[in-house]
Amino acid sequence: MKTKKIILIVILILIIIAFSVMIIVSNYQRNKRVDKDIPVLLYHNFVTTVPESDEDNFNYIKTPQSFEENIKVFLENGYTVISIKDLDDVDKGKIELPEKPIIITLDDGLL
């Protein structure tokens, strides 16, 4: 009977140690998060032909060609496009953040 109690106590201690290690590692990874500003660009209202007038004065109408030009400028200036998943992987310590990251989002739900 004493042997069973000792085994149960040892198992309980091991479980407590395992959970403690998991918490310590989780906090360590959280503290390693990169404190860096990352530009997030939102593109909206893609068209194949730019209208002659912009009645709503949005000034952000894009064609596929102008979007491609924007991307080329970012790449030529050393930016690396990353995804939201990449950012999560950086936070989890799975990957390194590039020197000049940028996130591009698209919101054109009408198309």
Protein backbone atom coordinates (compact mmCIF):
# COMPACT_ATOMS: atom_id res chain seq x y z
CA MET A 1 0.00 0.00 0.00
CA LYS A 2 2.83 2.40 0.85
CA THR A 3 4.49 1.67 -2.48
CA LYS A 4 1.34 2.67 -4.40
CA LYS A 5 1.12 5.96 -2.47
CA ILE A 6 4.77 6.73 -3.18
CA ILE A 7 4.29 5.97 -6.90
CA LEU A 8 1.20 8.20 -7.03
CA ILE A 9 3.04 11.02 -5.27
CA VAL A 10 5.99 10.71 -7.66
CA ILE A 11 3.63 10.74 -10.67
CA LEU A 12 1.84 13.79 -9.28
CA ILE A 13 5.16 15.60 -8.75
CA LEU A 14 6.24 14.74 -12.31
CA ILE A 15 2.96 16.09 -13.71
CA ILE A 16 3.38 19.32 -11.73
CA ILE A 17 6.96 19.67 -13.00
CA ALA A 18 5.84 19.03 -16.60
CA PHE A 19 3.12 21.71 -16.40
CA SER A 20 5.56 24.15 -14.79
CA VAL A 21 8.06 23.63 -17.61
CA MET A 22 5.33 24.15 -20.22
CA ILE A 23 4.31 27.43 -18.57
CA ILE A 24 7.91 28.63 -18.34
CA VAL A 25 8.58 27.81 -22.02
CA SER A 26 5.33 29.47 -23.09
CA ASN A 27 6.17 32.65 -21.14
CA TYR A 28 9.72 32.65 -22.53
CA GLN A 29 8.44 32.46 -26.09
CA ARG A 30 5.89 35.18 -25.40
CA ASN A 31 8.63 37.42 -24.00
CA LYS A 32 10.73 36.85 -27.14
CA ARG A 33 8.11 38.46 -29.38
CA VAL A 34 9.52 40.95 -31.79
CA ASP A 35 8.70 44.54 -30.97
CA LYS A 36 8.76 45.90 -34.50
CA ASP A 37 6.35 48.01 -36.50
CA ILE A 38 5.05 46.11 -39.52
CA PRO A 39 3.19 48.00 -42.23
CA VAL A 40 -0.16 46.44 -43.09
CA LEU A 41 -1.57 47.60 -46.41
CA LEU A 42 -5.23 47.28 -47.34
CA TYR A 43 -6.06 47.20 -51.02
CA HIS A 44 -9.66 47.71 -52.04
CA ASN A 45 -11.70 48.38 -55.15
CA PHE A 46 -9.77 46.69 -57.94
CA VAL A 47 -11.00 47.48 -61.43
CA THR A 48 -9.80 46.61 -64.91
CA THR A 49 -10.44 50.16 -66.15
CA VAL A 50 -10.13 53.23 -63.95
CA PRO A 51 -13.27 55.38 -64.22
CA GLU A 52 -12.88 58.92 -65.53
CA SER A 53 -14.21 60.35 -62.27
CA ASP A 54 -14.14 59.18 -58.67
CA GLU A 55 -17.49 60.47 -57.38
CA ASP A 56 -16.89 59.15 -53.87
CA ASN A 57 -13.38 60.68 -53.83
CA PHE A 58 -11.88 57.46 -52.53
CA ASN A 59 -8.54 57.90 -54.35
CA TYR A 60 -7.67 54.25 -53.89
CA ILE A 61 -8.98 52.60 -57.02
CA LYS A 62 -6.43 50.05 -58.26
CA THR A 63 -5.95 48.07 -61.43
CA PRO A 64 -4.04 44.79 -61.50
CA GLN A 65 -1.24 46.65 -63.30
CA SER A 66 -0.96 49.39 -60.65
CA PHE A 67 -1.04 46.75 -57.91
CA GLU A 68 1.82 44.92 -59.66
CA GLU A 69 3.77 48.19 -59.83
CA ASN A 70 3.25 48.72 -56.10
CA ILE A 71 4.53 45.23 -55.31
CA LYS A 72 7.61 45.78 -57.48
CA VAL A 73 8.40 49.00 -55.60
CA PHE A 74 8.15 47.21 -52.24
CA LEU A 75 10.40 44.38 -53.40
CA GLU A 76 12.93 46.77 -54.97
CA ASN A 77 13.13 48.60 -51.64
CA GLY A 78 13.92 45.45 -49.68
CA TYR A 79 10.49 44.63 -48.27
CA THR A 80 9.46 41.02 -47.79
CA VAL A 81 5.76 40.21 -47.96
CA ILE A 82 4.67 38.03 -45.05
CA SER A 83 1.32 36.50 -44.17
CA ILE A 84 -0.64 36.70 -40.93
CA LYS A 85 0.33 33.04 -40.38
CA ASP A 86 4.00 34.01 -40.78
CA LEU A 87 3.51 36.67 -38.11
CA ASP A 88 1.96 34.07 -35.80
CA ASP A 89 4.90 31.72 -36.49
CA VAL A 90 7.31 34.54 -35.58
CA ASP A 91 5.46 35.04 -32.30
CA LYS A 92 5.72 31.32 -31.60
CA GLY A 93 9.45 31.34 -32.35
CA LYS A 94 9.08 29.03 -35.35
CA ILE A 95 10.56 31.45 -37.90
CA GLU A 96 12.55 34.68 -37.91
CA LEU A 97 11.03 37.97 -38.97
CA PRO A 98 12.59 39.40 -42.15
CA GLU A 99 14.40 42.72 -41.86
CA LYS A 100 11.66 44.73 -43.63
CA PRO A 101 8.38 42.82 -43.39
CA ILE A 102 5.14 44.01 -44.90
CA ILE A 103 1.65 42.49 -44.83
CA ILE A 104 -0.75 42.99 -47.73
CA THR A 105 -4.47 42.52 -47.32
CA LEU A 106 -7.18 42.60 -49.98
CA ASP A 107 -10.76 43.64 -49.39
CA ASP A 108 -12.80 43.46 -52.53
CA GLY A 109 -15.76 41.39 -51.48
CA LEU A 110 -17.84 42.50 -54.44
CA LEU A 111 -15.68 40.58 -56.92
